Amino acid sequence: NSVLNENSSSKCLIYFEDVDFEFRGTTTINGTNNSSCSALGMKRSRGVIRNVSISSPVAALQIESSDVDIRGGSFSSSGKEAISPRNGSRLSINSYDDNVSITSSADEALEIKSSFVKLDKGSNDFTISSSASDKADISSEEISTLVIEDHTFSSVEIEAGSSLILNDDATITTLTCSSTSNIEKDGTVTNSTGCAQAQ
């Protein structure tokens, strides 16, 4: 399936509320013309995303008060964060079924606000990367919890009141945090200069 934004609308390309959903097969969502809303947005919804490709000049995927399981796909933004769970969302991302790529050229690739996120690399590639010079690949803020089961992530920022659980098989190259962040570290942090709790 392919969903294209072929007009000049600045609105969300796809948006729904109070829905149980499943994206599967090969689905492309191209939010080229979106300027004020994400390419795919949802609120108070629950479901699974498999093998999708979403691109947008703003957020590719915005999740609000929802429970979402991502099991593969490509999510990219050229102007904001690629994926943004917020307002009590629960998000699980793993690459057991397909490759996962989450990238942004202007902001954090994954921005977590008041939500719970679990990252678990499977047998396929798993990339979360921002090419913006002053942004971390992953940021967690507004009393969020980030659990990293395994794999290596380059840069992670844990802001005031938020928590990081870094399990045995996980590595963060550069970790920064606030003095009021909660860091539970069984894995490896290569550079913890910006996070006293991880030293």
C-alpha atoms as a PDB file:
ATOM      1  CA  ASN A   1       0.000   0.000   0.000  1.00  0.00           C
ATOM      2  CA  SER A   2       1.177   3.519  -0.729  1.00  0.00           C
ATOM      3  CA  VAL A   3      -0.223   6.726   0.764  1.00  0.00           C
ATOM      4  CA  LEU A   4       1.048   9.945  -0.780  1.00  0.00           C
ATOM      5  CA  ASN A   5       0.449  13.590   0.066  1.00  0.00           C
ATOM      6  CA  GLU A   6       0.046  14.974  -3.435  1.00  0.00           C
ATOM      7  CA  ASN A   7      -1.490  18.356  -2.619  1.00  0.00           C
ATOM      8  CA  SER A   8      -0.403  21.459  -0.743  1.00  0.00           C
ATOM      9  CA  SER A   9      -2.271  20.751   2.500  1.00  0.00           C
ATOM     10  CA  SER A  10      -0.336  21.437   5.690  1.00  0.00           C
ATOM     11  CA  LYS A  11      -2.572  19.156   7.780  1.00  0.00           C
ATOM     12  CA  CYS A  12      -1.843  15.624   9.013  1.00  0.00           C
ATOM     13  CA  LEU A  13      -1.629  13.096   6.220  1.00  0.00           C
ATOM     14  CA  ILE A  14      -3.134  10.354   8.417  1.00  0.00           C
ATOM     15  CA  TYR A  15      -4.632  10.959  11.867  1.00  0.00           C
ATOM     16  CA  PHE A  16      -6.980   8.875  14.023  1.00  0.00           C
ATOM     17  CA  GLU A  17      -8.300   8.639  17.582  1.00  0.00           C
ATOM     18  CA  ASP A  18      -9.677   5.760  19.688  1.00  0.00           C
ATOM     19  CA  VAL A  19      -8.703   3.094  17.145  1.00  0.00           C
ATOM     20  CA  ASP A  20      -7.220  -0.414  17.306  1.00  0.00           C
ATOM     21  CA  PHE A  21      -4.953  -0.669  14.269  1.00  0.00           C
ATOM     22  CA  GLU A  22      -2.346  -2.727  12.428  1.00  0.00           C
ATOM     23  CA  PHE A  23      -0.058  -1.586   9.617  1.00  0.00           C
ATOM     24  CA  ARG A  24       1.473  -4.550   7.775  1.00  0.00           C
ATOM     25  CA  GLY A  25       2.851  -5.467   4.390  1.00  0.00           C
ATOM     26  CA  THR A  26       4.747  -2.651   2.723  1.00  0.00           C
ATOM     27  CA  THR A  27       3.178   0.743   3.435  1.00  0.00           C
ATOM     28  CA  THR A  28       4.672   4.064   2.345  1.00  0.00           C
ATOM     29  CA  ILE A  29       3.464   7.335   3.859  1.00  0.00           C
ATOM     30  CA  ASN A  30       5.062  10.350   2.222  1.00  0.00           C
ATOM     31  CA  GLY A  31       4.185  13.569   4.021  1.00  0.00           C
ATOM     32  CA  THR A  32       6.146  15.820   1.689  1.00  0.00           C
ATOM     33  CA  ASN A  33       3.774  18.769   1.996  1.00  0.00           C
ATOM     34  CA  ASN A  34       3.002  18.518   5.706  1.00  0.00           C
ATOM     35  CA  SER A  35       4.198  21.664   7.420  1.00  0.00           C
ATOM     36  CA  SER A  36       2.172  21.864  10.643  1.00  0.00           C
ATOM     37  CA  CYS A  37       1.320  18.259  11.504  1.00  0.00           C
ATOM     38  CA  SER A  38       2.911  14.806  11.507  1.00  0.00           C
ATOM     39  CA  ALA A  39       2.648  12.435   8.561  1.00  0.00           C
ATOM     40  CA  LEU A  40       1.055   9.814  10.849  1.00  0.00           C
ATOM     41  CA  GLY A  41      -0.580  10.833  14.120  1.00  0.00           C
ATOM     42  CA  MET A  42      -2.767   9.084  16.653  1.00  0.00           C
ATOM     43  CA  LYS A  43      -4.434   9.625  20.022  1.00  0.00           C
ATOM     44  CA  ARG A  44      -5.826   7.119  22.565  1.00  0.00           C
ATOM     45  CA  SER A  45      -5.152   4.268  20.134  1.00  0.00           C
ATOM     46  CA  ARG A  46      -3.511   0.861  20.257  1.00  0.00           C
ATOM     47  CA  GLY A  47      -1.811  -1.277  17.668  1.00  0.00           C
ATOM     48  CA  VAL A  48       1.169  -2.661  15.751  1.00  0.00           C
ATOM     49  CA  ILE A  49       3.285  -1.118  12.997  1.00  0.00           C
ATOM     50  CA  ARG A  50       5.238  -3.476  10.715  1.00  0.00           C
ATOM     51  CA  ASN A  51       7.469  -2.642   7.761  1.00  0.00           C
ATOM     52  CA  VAL A  52       6.296   0.898   7.000  1.00  0.00           C
ATOM     53  CA  SER A  53       8.211   3.786   5.462  1.00  0.00           C
ATOM     54  CA  ILE A  54       7.211   7.241   6.731  1.00  0.00           C
ATOM     55  CA  SER A  55       8.891  10.504   5.768  1.00  0.00           C
ATOM     56  CA  SER A  56       7.945  14.093   6.587  1.00  0.00           C
ATOM     57  CA  PRO A  57       9.407  17.587   6.926  1.00  0.00           C
ATOM     58  CA  VAL A  58       7.909  17.587  10.441  1.00  0.00           C
ATOM     59  CA  ALA A  59       7.363  14.561  12.723  1.00  0.00           C
ATOM     60  CA  ALA A  60       7.023  11.295  10.840  1.00  0.00           C
ATOM     61  CA  LEU A  61       5.091   9.604  13.674  1.00  0.00           C
ATOM     62  CA  GLN A  62       3.464  11.302  16.661  1.00  0.00           C
ATOM     63  CA  ILE A  63       1.863   9.128  19.331  1.00  0.00           C
ATOM     64  CA  GLU A  64      -0.348  10.654  22.024  1.00  0.00           C
ATOM     65  CA  SER A  65      -1.827   8.667  24.942  1.00  0.00           C
ATOM     66  CA  SER A  66      -1.454   5.489  22.899  1.00  0.00           C
ATOM     67  CA  ASP A  67       0.037   1.990  23.140  1.00  0.00           C
ATOM     68  CA  VAL A  68       2.125   1.126  20.071  1.00  0.00           C
ATOM     69  CA  ASP A  69       4.414  -1.752  19.103  1.00  0.00           C
ATOM     70  CA  ILE A  70       6.823  -1.012  16.222  1.00  0.00           C
ATOM     71  CA  ARG A  71       8.316  -4.175  14.722  1.00  0.00           C
ATOM     72  CA  GLY A  72      10.111  -2.747  11.710  1.00  0.00           C
ATOM     73  CA  GLY A  73      10.123   0.219   9.388  1.00  0.00           C
ATOM     74  CA  SER A  74      11.772   3.469   8.371  1.00  0.00           C
ATOM     75  CA  PHE A  75      10.836   6.792   9.994  1.00  0.00           C
ATOM     76  CA  SER A  76      12.540   9.985   8.864  1.00  0.00           C
ATOM     77  CA  SER A  77      12.099  13.724   9.336  1.00  0.00           C
ATOM     78  CA  SER A  78      13.919  16.621   7.735  1.00  0.00           C
ATOM     79  CA  GLY A  79      12.579  19.273  10.112  1.00  0.00           C
ATOM     80  CA  LYS A  80      11.641  17.825  13.519  1.00  0.00           C
ATOM     81  CA  GLU A  81      11.905  14.614  15.509  1.00  0.00           C
ATOM     82  CA  ALA A  82      11.155  11.434  13.547  1.00  0.00           C
ATOM     83  CA  ILE A  83       9.124   9.722  16.304  1.00  0.00           C
ATOM     84  CA  SER A  84       7.540  11.486  19.281  1.00  0.00           C
ATOM     85  CA  PRO A  85       5.554   9.546  21.903  1.00  0.00           C
ATOM     86  CA  ARG A  86       3.916  11.820  24.476  1.00  0.00           C
ATOM     87  CA  ASN A  87       1.210  12.237  27.140  1.00  0.00           C
ATOM     88  CA  GLY A  88       1.277   8.801  28.745  1.00  0.00           C
ATOM     89  CA  SER A  89       2.071   6.720  25.679  1.00  0.00           C
ATOM     90  CA  ARG A  90       3.701   3.287  25.814  1.00  0.00           C
ATOM     91  CA  LEU A  91       5.975   2.516  22.877  1.00  0.00           C
ATOM     92  CA  SER A  92       7.934  -0.656  22.200  1.00  0.00           C
ATOM     93  CA  ILE A  93      10.387  -0.718  19.276  1.00  0.00           C
ATOM     94  CA  ASN A  94      12.181  -3.885  18.180  1.00  0.00           C
ATOM     95  CA  SER A  95      13.817  -5.257  15.036  1.00  0.00           C
ATOM     96  CA  TYR A  96      12.957  -8.938  15.348  1.00  0.00           C
ATOM     97  CA  ASP A  97      10.752  -8.966  12.227  1.00  0.00           C
ATOM     98  CA  ASP A  98      12.349  -6.246  10.040  1.00  0.00           C
ATOM     99  CA  ASN A  99      15.004  -3.538  10.062  1.00  0.00           C
ATOM    100  CA  VAL A 100      14.274  -0.371  12.050  1.00  0.00           C
ATOM    101  CA  SER A 101      15.605   3.033  10.993  1.00  0.00           C
ATOM    102  CA  ILE A 102      14.665   6.248  12.852  1.00  0.00           C
ATOM    103  CA  THR A 103      16.452   9.362  11.603  1.00  0.00           C
ATOM    104  CA  SER A 104      16.205  13.134  11.735  1.00  0.00           C
ATOM    105  CA  SER A 105      18.372  15.798  10.134  1.00  0.00           C
ATOM    106  CA  ALA A 106      17.061  18.672  12.294  1.00  0.00           C
ATOM    107  CA  ASP A 107      16.116  17.389  15.772  1.00  0.00           C
ATOM    108  CA  GLU A 108      16.313  14.335  18.005  1.00  0.00           C
ATOM    109  CA  ALA A 109      15.440  11.194  16.086  1.00  0.00           C
ATOM    110  CA  LEU A 110      13.376   9.889  19.026  1.00  0.00           C
ATOM    111  CA  GLU A 111      11.886  12.434  21.437  1.00  0.00           C
ATOM    112  CA  ILE A 112      10.069  10.983  24.465  1.00  0.00           C
ATOM    113  CA  LYS A 113       7.721  13.159  26.525  1.00  0.00           C
ATOM    114  CA  SER A 114       5.778  11.884  29.566  1.00  0.00           C
ATOM    115  CA  SER A 115       5.864   8.345  28.163  1.00  0.00           C
ATOM    116  CA  PHE A 116       7.394   4.874  28.515  1.00  0.00           C
ATOM    117  CA  VAL A 117       9.638   3.558  25.720  1.00  0.00           C
ATOM    118  CA  LYS A 118      11.418   0.207  25.413  1.00  0.00           C
ATOM    119  CA  LEU A 119      14.122  -0.445  22.785  1.00  0.00           C
ATOM    120  CA  ASP A 120      15.028  -4.050  21.973  1.00  0.00           C
ATOM    121  CA  LYS A 121      17.199  -4.988  19.010  1.00  0.00           C
ATOM    122  CA  GLY A 122      16.354  -8.267  17.349  1.00  0.00           C
ATOM    123  CA  SER A 123      18.157 -10.079  14.552  1.00  0.00           C
ATOM    124  CA  ASN A 124      17.762  -7.195  12.080  1.00  0.00           C
ATOM    125  CA  ASP A 125      19.402  -3.766  11.896  1.00  0.00           C
ATOM    126  CA  PHE A 126      18.320  -1.129  14.425  1.00  0.00           C
ATOM    127  CA  THR A 127      19.327   2.513  13.867  1.00  0.00           C
ATOM    128  CA  ILE A 128      18.311   5.645  15.779  1.00  0.00           C
ATOM    129  CA  SER A 129      20.311   8.619  14.562  1.00  0.00           C
ATOM    130  CA  SER A 130      20.190  12.405  14.383  1.00  0.00           C
ATOM    131  CA  SER A 131      22.519  14.334  12.084  1.00  0.00           C
ATOM    132  CA  ALA A 132      21.672  17.664  13.778  1.00  0.00           C
ATOM    133  CA  SER A 133      24.898  18.904  15.333  1.00  0.00           C
ATOM    134  CA  ASP A 134      23.414  20.042  18.671  1.00  0.00           C
ATOM    135  CA  LYS A 135      20.882  17.248  19.236  1.00  0.00           C
ATOM    136  CA  ALA A 136      21.062  13.804  20.824  1.00  0.00           C
ATOM    137  CA  ASP A 137      19.825  10.786  18.906  1.00  0.00           C
ATOM    138  CA  ILE A 138      17.370  10.036  21.732  1.00  0.00           C
ATOM    139  CA  SER A 139      15.955  12.411  24.358  1.00  0.00           C
ATOM    140  CA  SER A 140      13.724  11.550  27.294  1.00  0.00           C
ATOM    141  CA  GLU A 141      11.975  14.335  29.192  1.00  0.00           C
ATOM    142  CA  GLU A 142       8.902  15.345  31.216  1.00  0.00           C
ATOM    143  CA  ILE A 143       9.038  12.379  33.640  1.00  0.00           C
ATOM    144  CA  SER A 144       9.504   9.637  31.049  1.00  0.00           C
ATOM    145  CA  THR A 145      11.104   6.192  31.317  1.00  0.00           C
ATOM    146  CA  LEU A 146      13.460   4.782  28.677  1.00  0.00           C
ATOM    147  CA  VAL A 147      14.454   1.101  28.816  1.00  0.00           C
ATOM    148  CA  ILE A 148      17.296  -0.059  26.572  1.00  0.00           C
ATOM    149  CA  GLU A 149      17.545  -3.843  26.483  1.00  0.00           C
ATOM    150  CA  ASP A 150      20.551  -4.210  24.190  1.00  0.00           C
ATOM    151  CA  HIS A 151      22.490  -2.775  21.226  1.00  0.00           C
ATOM    152  CA  THR A 152      24.665   0.364  21.044  1.00  0.00           C
ATOM    153  CA  PHE A 153      23.212   3.869  20.738  1.00  0.00           C
ATOM    154  CA  SER A 154      25.461   6.865  20.102  1.00  0.00           C
ATOM    155  CA  SER A 155      23.933   9.681  22.143  1.00  0.00           C
ATOM    156  CA  VAL A 156      21.159   9.747  24.731  1.00  0.00           C
ATOM    157  CA  GLU A 157      19.894  12.658  26.849  1.00  0.00           C
ATOM    158  CA  ILE A 158      17.840  12.075  30.013  1.00  0.00           C
ATOM    159  CA  GLU A 159      16.300  15.317  31.231  1.00  0.00           C
ATOM    160  CA  ALA A 160      15.048  16.368  34.673  1.00  0.00           C
ATOM    161  CA  GLY A 161      12.752  13.871  36.384  1.00  0.00           C
ATOM    162  CA  SER A 162      13.099  11.179  33.714  1.00  0.00           C
ATOM    163  CA  SER A 163      14.556   7.687  34.092  1.00  0.00           C
ATOM    164  CA  LEU A 164      16.916   5.450  32.123  1.00  0.00           C
ATOM    165  CA  ILE A 165      17.197   1.684  32.602  1.00  0.00           C
ATOM    166  CA  LEU A 166      20.272   0.396  30.755  1.00  0.00           C
ATOM    167  CA  ASN A 167      20.410  -3.382  30.788  1.00  0.00           C
ATOM    168  CA  ASP A 168      23.479  -5.651  30.657  1.00  0.00           C
ATOM    169  CA  ASP A 169      23.752  -6.005  26.879  1.00  0.00           C
ATOM    170  CA  ALA A 170      23.231  -2.312  26.092  1.00  0.00           C
ATOM    171  CA  THR A 171      25.789   0.426  25.413  1.00  0.00           C
ATOM    172  CA  ILE A 172      25.484   4.200  25.160  1.00  0.00           C
ATOM    173  CA  THR A 173      28.440   6.019  23.666  1.00  0.00           C
ATOM    174  CA  THR A 174      27.599   9.458  25.121  1.00  0.00           C
ATOM    175  CA  LEU A 175      25.079   9.954  27.925  1.00  0.00           C
ATOM    176  CA  THR A 176      24.004  13.318  29.318  1.00  0.00           C
ATOM    177  CA  CYS A 177      21.521  13.782  32.133  1.00  0.00           C
ATOM    178  CA  SER A 178      20.148  16.186  34.718  1.00  0.00           C
ATOM    179  CA  SER A 179      21.016  16.050  38.393  1.00  0.00           C
ATOM    180  CA  THR A 180      17.411  14.950  39.012  1.00  0.00           C
ATOM    181  CA  SER A 181      17.441  12.147  36.429  1.00  0.00           C
ATOM    182  CA  ASN A 182      17.261   8.541  37.609  1.00  0.00           C
ATOM    183  CA  ILE A 183      19.902   6.291  36.016  1.00  0.00           C
ATOM    184  CA  GLU A 184      19.902   2.498  36.514  1.00  0.00           C
ATOM    185  CA  LYS A 185      23.019   1.265  34.716  1.00  0.00           C
ATOM    186  CA  ASP A 186      23.919  -2.408  34.275  1.00  0.00           C
ATOM    187  CA  GLY A 187      25.174  -1.838  30.737  1.00  0.00           C
ATOM    188  CA  THR A 188      28.056   0.288  29.455  1.00  0.00           C
ATOM    189  CA  VAL A 189      28.358   4.052  29.108  1.00  0.00           C
ATOM    190  CA  THR A 190      31.498   5.018  27.201  1.00  0.00           C
ATOM    191  CA  ASN A 191      31.355   8.765  27.891  1.00  0.00           C
ATOM    192  CA  SER A 192      29.474   9.746  31.048  1.00  0.00           C
ATOM    193  CA  THR A 193      31.094  13.167  31.557  1.00  0.00           C
ATOM    194  CA  GLY A 194      27.702  14.831  31.219  1.00  0.00           C
ATOM    195  CA  CYS A 195      25.941  12.472  33.633  1.00  0.00           C
ATOM    196  CA  ALA A 196      27.346  12.125  37.140  1.00  0.00           C
ATOM    197  CA  GLN A 197      24.908   9.340  38.091  1.00  0.00           C
ATOM    198  CA  ALA A 198      26.386   7.054  35.398  1.00  0.00           C
ATOM    199  CA  GLN A 199      30.017   7.487  36.457  1.00  0.00           C
END
